[in-house]
Amino acid sequence: MPRTWGFVLLAAVALVAASGWWASERGEQEPAVAEAPAVRPDAFESTGLPPEALATLQAIAKGGPFPYDRDGTVFQNREGLLPPQPRGYYREYTVETPRSGDRGARRIVTGGDPPEAYWYTDDHYRSFRRIEGAPP
């Protein structure tokens, strides 16, 4: 994983910790937030997925926010490359493509609600590969 991702994750953790400390110093209570399953960056270092896929997996685990209106919509599996499931089982999410003027071709498709299976495509649904170790 590039050092910049490690720095970004460390900075985010520090910011969250500092905001909790600041609220407790002023006697404020922190709002109750449901715990999202953690996405460990080290679990994806050897997968060959682009770093932007990790950001998308983290957004899925938290329930958003998502950068595109189509994120979280039903993926119909028209190509038939994923296992047959009832309509509504699959959902699609955009994986950012640097320097792309649109959504690009990269997606993560989840199966189940809550997601129990994850696939990645970088060629706009012409091929998929299962993401092992994604948060259940």
N, C-alpha and C. Protein backbone atom coordinates (compact mmCIF):
# COMPACT_ATOMS: atom_id res chain seq x y z
N MET A 1 0.85 -1.17 0.00
CA MET A 1 0.00 0.00 0.00
C MET A 1 0.90 1.23 0.00
N PRO A 2 0.61 2.22 -0.85
CA PRO A 2 1.44 3.41 -0.88
C PRO A 2 1.43 4.12 0.47
N ARG A 3 2.54 4.77 0.78
CA ARG A 3 2.67 5.47 2.06
C ARG A 3 1.60 6.53 2.24
N THR A 4 1.17 7.16 1.16
CA THR A 4 0.17 8.22 1.29
C THR A 4 -1.14 7.68 1.84
N TRP A 5 -1.54 6.45 1.47
CA TRP A 5 -2.77 5.89 2.02
C TRP A 5 -2.63 5.67 3.53
N GLY A 6 -1.46 5.19 3.94
CA GLY A 6 -1.22 5.00 5.37
C GLY A 6 -1.31 6.31 6.12
N PHE A 7 -0.74 7.37 5.53
CA PHE A 7 -0.78 8.67 6.16
C PHE A 7 -2.22 9.19 6.23
N VAL A 8 -2.98 9.00 5.15
CA VAL A 8 -4.36 9.48 5.12
C VAL A 8 -5.19 8.75 6.18
N LEU A 9 -5.02 7.44 6.29
CA LEU A 9 -5.76 6.68 7.30
C LEU A 9 -5.36 7.11 8.71
N LEU A 10 -4.07 7.32 8.94
CA LEU A 10 -3.60 7.77 10.25
C LEU A 10 -4.17 9.15 10.58
N ALA A 11 -4.16 10.06 9.61
CA ALA A 11 -4.69 11.40 9.84
C ALA A 11 -6.19 11.34 10.14
N ALA A 12 -6.93 10.48 9.45
CA ALA A 12 -8.37 10.36 9.69
C ALA A 12 -8.65 9.85 11.10
N VAL A 13 -7.88 8.85 11.54
CA VAL A 13 -8.05 8.31 12.89
C VAL A 13 -7.74 9.39 13.93
N ALA A 14 -6.66 10.14 13.71
CA ALA A 14 -6.30 11.21 14.64
C ALA A 14 -7.38 12.27 14.71
N LEU A 15 -7.95 12.63 13.58
CA LEU A 15 -9.00 13.64 13.54
C LEU A 15 -10.24 13.18 14.29
N VAL A 16 -10.64 11.93 14.09
CA VAL A 16 -11.80 11.39 14.78
C VAL A 16 -11.55 11.35 16.28
N ALA A 17 -10.37 10.90 16.68
CA ALA A 17 -10.04 10.84 18.10
C ALA A 17 -10.03 12.23 18.72
N ALA A 18 -9.47 13.20 18.03
CA ALA A 18 -9.41 14.57 18.55
C ALA A 18 -10.81 15.16 18.69
N SER A 19 -11.70 14.89 17.75
CA SER A 19 -13.05 15.46 17.84
C SER A 19 -13.79 14.87 19.03
N GLY A 20 -13.59 13.59 19.33
CA GLY A 20 -14.20 12.98 20.51
C GLY A 20 -13.66 13.56 21.79
N TRP A 21 -12.35 13.81 21.84
CA TRP A 21 -11.74 14.42 23.03
C TRP A 21 -12.29 15.82 23.22
N TRP A 22 -12.38 16.61 22.14
CA TRP A 22 -12.87 17.99 22.22
C TRP A 22 -14.30 18.02 22.76
N ALA A 23 -15.14 17.11 22.27
CA ALA A 23 -16.53 17.06 22.73
C ALA A 23 -16.60 16.70 24.20
N SER A 24 -15.76 15.75 24.65
CA SER A 24 -15.80 15.35 26.05
C SER A 24 -15.27 16.45 26.96
N GLU A 25 -14.32 17.23 26.49
CA GLU A 25 -13.80 18.35 27.28
C GLU A 25 -14.86 19.42 27.48
N ARG A 26 -15.75 19.57 26.53
CA ARG A 26 -16.80 20.58 26.64
C ARG A 26 -18.05 19.99 27.26
N GLY A 27 -18.02 18.74 27.68
CA GLY A 27 -19.15 18.11 28.33
C GLY A 27 -20.24 17.66 27.37
N GLU A 28 -19.92 17.58 26.10
CA GLU A 28 -20.90 17.13 25.12
C GLU A 28 -20.88 15.62 25.01
N GLN A 29 -22.01 15.06 24.70
CA GLN A 29 -22.07 13.63 24.44
C GLN A 29 -21.92 13.39 22.96
N GLU A 30 -21.19 12.34 22.63
CA GLU A 30 -21.05 11.98 21.22
C GLU A 30 -22.31 11.27 20.78
N PRO A 31 -22.77 11.54 19.55
CA PRO A 31 -23.95 10.85 19.05
C PRO A 31 -23.68 9.36 18.90
N ALA A 32 -24.72 8.56 19.13
CA ALA A 32 -24.58 7.11 18.95
C ALA A 32 -24.51 6.81 17.47
N VAL A 33 -23.49 6.08 17.07
CA VAL A 33 -23.31 5.71 15.67
C VAL A 33 -23.13 4.21 15.61
N ALA A 34 -23.86 3.58 14.70
CA ALA A 34 -23.71 2.13 14.53
C ALA A 34 -22.32 1.84 14.00
N GLU A 35 -21.69 0.83 14.55
CA GLU A 35 -20.36 0.43 14.11
C GLU A 35 -20.44 -0.27 12.76
N ALA A 36 -19.70 0.23 11.80
CA ALA A 36 -19.60 -0.43 10.51
C ALA A 36 -18.46 -1.44 10.57
N PRO A 37 -18.57 -2.54 9.85
CA PRO A 37 -17.46 -3.49 9.85
C PRO A 37 -16.19 -2.82 9.33
N ALA A 38 -15.10 -3.08 9.99
CA ALA A 38 -13.83 -2.45 9.59
C ALA A 38 -13.32 -3.07 8.30
N VAL A 39 -12.76 -2.22 7.46
CA VAL A 39 -12.10 -2.68 6.25
C VAL A 39 -10.62 -2.50 6.48
N ARG A 40 -9.90 -3.59 6.64
CA ARG A 40 -8.47 -3.51 6.91
C ARG A 40 -7.71 -3.30 5.61
N PRO A 41 -6.97 -2.18 5.49
CA PRO A 41 -6.20 -1.94 4.28
C PRO A 41 -5.21 -3.06 3.97
N ASP A 42 -4.61 -3.67 5.00
CA ASP A 42 -3.62 -4.71 4.76
C ASP A 42 -4.23 -5.96 4.14
N ALA A 43 -5.55 -6.13 4.31
CA ALA A 43 -6.21 -7.30 3.74
C ALA A 43 -6.29 -7.22 2.22
N PHE A 44 -6.07 -6.03 1.66
CA PHE A 44 -6.23 -5.85 0.23
C PHE A 44 -4.92 -5.55 -0.49
N GLU A 45 -3.81 -5.52 0.23
CA GLU A 45 -2.53 -5.17 -0.39
C GLU A 45 -2.16 -6.14 -1.51
N SER A 46 -2.45 -7.42 -1.34
CA SER A 46 -2.01 -8.41 -2.32
C SER A 46 -3.10 -8.79 -3.31
N THR A 47 -4.23 -8.08 -3.30
CA THR A 47 -5.33 -8.46 -4.18
C THR A 47 -5.18 -7.91 -5.58
N GLY A 48 -4.35 -6.89 -5.75
CA GLY A 48 -4.23 -6.26 -7.05
C GLY A 48 -5.33 -5.26 -7.33
N LEU A 49 -6.19 -5.01 -6.35
CA LEU A 49 -7.23 -3.99 -6.53
C LEU A 49 -6.62 -2.61 -6.45
N PRO A 50 -7.17 -1.66 -7.18
CA PRO A 50 -6.66 -0.28 -7.08
C PRO A 50 -7.00 0.31 -5.71
N PRO A 51 -6.23 1.28 -5.24
CA PRO A 51 -6.50 1.87 -3.92
C PRO A 51 -7.90 2.49 -3.83
N GLU A 52 -8.43 2.95 -4.94
CA GLU A 52 -9.77 3.54 -4.92
C GLU A 52 -10.84 2.50 -4.57
N ALA A 53 -10.56 1.22 -4.83
CA ALA A 53 -11.52 0.17 -4.48
C ALA A 53 -11.66 0.07 -2.96
N LEU A 54 -10.58 0.29 -2.23
CA LEU A 54 -10.65 0.26 -0.77
C LEU A 54 -11.57 1.37 -0.28
N ALA A 55 -11.46 2.55 -0.86
CA ALA A 55 -12.33 3.67 -0.46
C ALA A 55 -13.79 3.32 -0.73
N THR A 56 -14.06 2.66 -1.85
CA THR A 56 -15.43 2.26 -2.17
C THR A 56 -15.92 1.21 -1.19
N LEU A 57 -15.08 0.23 -0.84
CA LEU A 57 -15.48 -0.79 0.14
C LEU A 57 -15.77 -0.16 1.50
N GLN A 58 -14.97 0.83 1.88
CA GLN A 58 -15.22 1.51 3.16
C GLN A 58 -16.54 2.26 3.13
N ALA A 59 -16.85 2.93 2.02
CA ALA A 59 -18.12 3.64 1.89
C ALA A 59 -19.30 2.66 1.95
N ILE A 60 -19.15 1.50 1.30
CA ILE A 60 -20.20 0.48 1.35
C ILE A 60 -20.42 0.02 2.78
N ALA A 61 -19.33 -0.24 3.50
CA ALA A 61 -19.42 -0.71 4.89
C ALA A 61 -20.11 0.32 5.79
N LYS A 62 -19.90 1.60 5.49
CA LYS A 62 -20.52 2.67 6.30
C LYS A 62 -21.92 3.03 5.83
N GLY A 63 -22.32 2.52 4.67
CA GLY A 63 -23.63 2.89 4.13
C GLY A 63 -23.62 4.23 3.41
N GLY A 64 -22.45 4.69 2.98
CA GLY A 64 -22.33 5.95 2.24
C GLY A 64 -21.61 6.99 3.07
N PRO A 65 -21.53 8.16 2.55
CA PRO A 65 -22.10 8.68 1.32
C PRO A 65 -21.34 8.18 0.09
N PHE A 66 -22.04 8.24 -1.03
CA PHE A 66 -21.48 7.78 -2.29
C PHE A 66 -21.43 8.95 -3.26
N PRO A 67 -20.41 8.98 -4.13
CA PRO A 67 -20.23 10.13 -5.01
C PRO A 67 -21.18 10.18 -6.21
N TYR A 68 -21.83 9.07 -6.55
CA TYR A 68 -22.67 9.05 -7.74
C TYR A 68 -24.08 8.57 -7.39
N ASP A 69 -25.07 9.13 -8.08
CA ASP A 69 -26.46 8.75 -7.85
C ASP A 69 -26.72 7.27 -8.11
N ARG A 70 -26.00 6.68 -9.04
CA ARG A 70 -26.21 5.28 -9.40
C ARG A 70 -25.62 4.31 -8.37
N ASP A 71 -24.77 4.81 -7.47
CA ASP A 71 -24.17 3.93 -6.46
C ASP A 71 -25.26 3.38 -5.54
N GLY A 72 -25.25 2.06 -5.37
CA GLY A 72 -26.22 1.39 -4.52
C GLY A 72 -27.48 0.94 -5.26
N THR A 73 -27.54 1.21 -6.56
CA THR A 73 -28.71 0.77 -7.33
C THR A 73 -28.59 -0.70 -7.68
N VAL A 74 -29.71 -1.28 -8.06
CA VAL A 74 -29.75 -2.70 -8.38
C VAL A 74 -28.93 -2.97 -9.64
N PHE A 75 -28.05 -3.96 -9.54
CA PHE A 75 -27.31 -4.47 -10.69
C PHE A 75 -28.06 -5.71 -11.17
N GLN A 76 -28.42 -5.73 -12.44
CA GLN A 76 -29.31 -6.78 -12.94
C GLN A 76 -28.61 -8.04 -13.42
N ASN A 77 -27.29 -8.04 -13.50
CA ASN A 77 -26.56 -9.24 -13.93
C ASN A 77 -27.02 -9.73 -15.30
N ARG A 78 -27.30 -8.79 -16.20
CA ARG A 78 -27.77 -9.14 -17.55
C ARG A 78 -26.76 -10.00 -18.30
N GLU A 79 -25.47 -9.78 -17.99
CA GLU A 79 -24.42 -10.55 -18.66
C GLU A 79 -24.41 -12.00 -18.20
N GLY A 80 -24.99 -12.26 -17.04
CA GLY A 80 -25.05 -13.62 -16.51
C GLY A 80 -23.71 -14.15 -16.02
N LEU A 81 -22.77 -13.25 -15.72
CA LEU A 81 -21.44 -13.69 -15.29
C LEU A 81 -21.37 -13.97 -13.79
N LEU A 82 -22.31 -13.44 -13.04
CA LEU A 82 -22.36 -13.71 -11.60
C LEU A 82 -23.38 -14.82 -11.36
N PRO A 83 -23.30 -15.49 -10.21
CA PRO A 83 -24.25 -16.59 -9.94
C PRO A 83 -25.70 -16.09 -10.03
N PRO A 84 -26.60 -16.89 -10.57
CA PRO A 84 -28.01 -16.50 -10.67
C PRO A 84 -28.59 -16.22 -9.27
N GLN A 85 -29.26 -15.09 -9.16
CA GLN A 85 -29.91 -14.68 -7.91
C GLN A 85 -31.18 -13.92 -8.27
N PRO A 86 -32.11 -13.79 -7.32
CA PRO A 86 -33.32 -13.01 -7.60
C PRO A 86 -32.98 -11.53 -7.82
N ARG A 87 -33.82 -10.85 -8.59
CA ARG A 87 -33.63 -9.42 -8.84
C ARG A 87 -33.55 -8.68 -7.50
N GLY A 88 -32.62 -7.76 -7.42
CA GLY A 88 -32.44 -6.98 -6.20
C GLY A 88 -31.32 -7.50 -5.31
N TYR A 89 -30.82 -8.70 -5.60
CA TYR A 89 -29.74 -9.28 -4.78
C TYR A 89 -28.44 -8.51 -4.98
N TYR A 90 -28.16 -8.08 -6.22
CA TYR A 90 -26.90 -7.42 -6.53
C TYR A 90 -27.08 -5.90 -6.54
N ARG A 91 -26.05 -5.20 -6.02
CA ARG A 91 -26.00 -3.73 -6.04
C ARG A 91 -24.65 -3.33 -6.61
N GLU A 92 -24.61 -2.19 -7.32
CA GLU A 92 -23.36 -1.74 -7.92
C GLU A 92 -22.90 -0.42 -7.32
N TYR A 93 -21.57 -0.26 -7.27
CA TYR A 93 -20.94 0.94 -6.72
C TYR A 93 -19.75 1.32 -7.60
N THR A 94 -19.57 2.60 -7.79
CA THR A 94 -18.49 3.12 -8.61
C THR A 94 -17.17 3.06 -7.86
N VAL A 95 -16.13 2.62 -8.55
CA VAL A 95 -14.76 2.75 -8.07
C VAL A 95 -14.15 3.89 -8.87
N GLU A 96 -13.78 4.97 -8.20
CA GLU A 96 -13.24 6.14 -8.88
C GLU A 96 -12.10 5.76 -9.81
N THR A 97 -12.07 6.42 -10.95
CA THR A 97 -11.00 6.25 -11.92
C THR A 97 -10.30 7.60 -12.04
N PRO A 98 -9.05 7.71 -11.55
CA PRO A 98 -8.35 9.00 -11.63
C PRO A 98 -8.31 9.53 -13.06
N ARG A 99 -8.47 10.81 -13.18
CA ARG A 99 -8.41 11.53 -14.45
C ARG A 99 -9.52 11.14 -15.43
N SER A 100 -10.59 10.51 -14.94
CA SER A 100 -11.71 10.17 -15.81
C SER A 100 -12.75 11.28 -15.71
N GLY A 101 -13.32 11.65 -16.83
CA GLY A 101 -14.32 12.69 -16.85
C GLY A 101 -15.72 12.19 -16.50
N ASP A 102 -15.86 10.87 -16.31
CA ASP A 102 -17.16 10.31 -15.95
C ASP A 102 -16.96 9.21 -14.91
N ARG A 103 -17.92 8.34 -14.75
CA ARG A 103 -17.81 7.28 -13.74
C ARG A 103 -16.74 6.26 -14.08
N GLY A 104 -16.30 6.20 -15.30
CA GLY A 104 -15.31 5.21 -15.67
C GLY A 104 -15.93 3.83 -15.76
N ALA A 105 -15.09 2.81 -15.88
CA ALA A 105 -15.56 1.43 -16.10
C ALA A 105 -15.44 0.56 -14.86
N ARG A 106 -14.86 1.09 -13.78
CA ARG A 106 -14.58 0.25 -12.61
C ARG A 106 -15.76 0.26 -11.63
N ARG A 107 -16.14 -0.93 -11.17
CA ARG A 107 -17.25 -1.07 -10.24
C ARG A 107 -16.97 -2.16 -9.22
N ILE A 108 -17.63 -2.04 -8.08
CA ILE A 108 -17.76 -3.14 -7.13
C ILE A 108 -19.23 -3.51 -7.12
N VAL A 109 -19.51 -4.79 -7.25
CA VAL A 109 -20.87 -5.30 -7.18
C VAL A 109 -20.96 -6.14 -5.91
N THR A 110 -21.99 -5.86 -5.11
CA THR A 110 -22.19 -6.63 -3.88
C THR A 110 -23.38 -7.55 -4.05
N GLY A 111 -23.40 -8.60 -3.27
CA GLY A 111 -24.51 -9.53 -3.28
C GLY A 111 -25.06 -9.69 -1.88
N GLY A 112 -26.36 -9.51 -1.73
CA GLY A 112 -27.01 -9.67 -0.44
C GLY A 112 -27.28 -8.34 0.24
N ASP A 113 -28.16 -8.37 1.23
CA ASP A 113 -28.48 -7.18 2.02
C ASP A 113 -28.64 -7.59 3.47
N PRO A 114 -27.64 -7.36 4.29
CA PRO A 114 -26.38 -6.66 4.01
C PRO A 114 -25.48 -7.50 3.10
N PRO A 115 -24.52 -6.83 2.46
CA PRO A 115 -23.66 -7.55 1.51
C PRO A 115 -22.94 -8.73 2.15
N GLU A 116 -22.96 -9.87 1.42
CA GLU A 116 -22.27 -11.07 1.88
C GLU A 116 -21.23 -11.53 0.87
N ALA A 117 -21.23 -10.90 -0.31
CA ALA A 117 -20.26 -11.23 -1.35
C ALA A 117 -19.95 -9.97 -2.14
N TYR A 118 -18.70 -9.90 -2.64
CA TYR A 118 -18.22 -8.72 -3.35
C TYR A 118 -17.46 -9.15 -4.60
N TRP A 119 -17.67 -8.42 -5.71
CA TRP A 119 -16.95 -8.65 -6.95
C TRP A 119 -16.44 -7.32 -7.48
N TYR A 120 -15.35 -7.39 -8.23
CA TYR A 120 -14.75 -6.20 -8.84
C TYR A 120 -14.69 -6.38 -10.35
N THR A 121 -15.00 -5.32 -11.09
CA THR A 121 -14.82 -5.30 -12.53
C THR A 121 -14.12 -4.01 -12.91
N ASP A 122 -13.17 -4.10 -13.83
CA ASP A 122 -12.52 -2.88 -14.32
C ASP A 122 -12.80 -2.67 -15.79
N ASP A 123 -13.71 -3.49 -16.35
CA ASP A 123 -14.03 -3.38 -17.78
C ASP A 123 -15.54 -3.28 -18.00
N HIS A 124 -16.22 -2.62 -17.10
CA HIS A 124 -17.66 -2.35 -17.19
C HIS A 124 -18.47 -3.61 -17.45
N TYR A 125 -18.32 -4.57 -16.54
CA TYR A 125 -19.14 -5.79 -16.48
C TYR A 125 -18.80 -6.86 -17.51
N ARG A 126 -17.69 -6.72 -18.23
CA ARG A 126 -17.32 -7.78 -19.17
C ARG A 126 -16.65 -8.95 -18.44
N SER A 127 -16.09 -8.66 -17.25
CA SER A 127 -15.49 -9.71 -16.43
C SER A 127 -15.58 -9.29 -14.97
N PHE A 128 -15.58 -10.29 -14.09
CA PHE A 128 -15.65 -10.04 -12.65
C PHE A 128 -14.63 -10.92 -11.97
N ARG A 129 -14.16 -10.45 -10.83
CA ARG A 129 -13.40 -11.34 -9.95
C ARG A 129 -13.89 -11.11 -8.53
N ARG A 130 -13.99 -12.20 -7.82
CA ARG A 130 -14.49 -12.16 -6.44
C ARG A 130 -13.46 -11.49 -5.55
N ILE A 131 -13.91 -10.63 -4.65
CA ILE A 131 -13.03 -9.99 -3.68
C ILE A 131 -13.09 -10.82 -2.41
N GLU A 132 -12.04 -11.54 -2.15
CA GLU A 132 -11.97 -12.35 -0.94
C GLU A 132 -11.57 -11.48 0.24
N GLY A 133 -12.13 -11.73 1.39
CA GLY A 133 -11.76 -11.00 2.58
C GLY A 133 -12.46 -9.67 2.76
N ALA A 134 -13.41 -9.34 1.88
CA ALA A 134 -14.16 -8.10 2.03
C ALA A 134 -15.04 -8.23 3.27
N PRO A 135 -15.43 -7.11 3.86
CA PRO A 135 -16.21 -7.19 5.10
C PRO A 135 -17.53 -7.90 4.87
N PRO A 136 -17.87 -8.84 5.74
CA PRO A 136 -19.14 -9.55 5.57
C PRO A 136 -20.34 -8.67 5.90
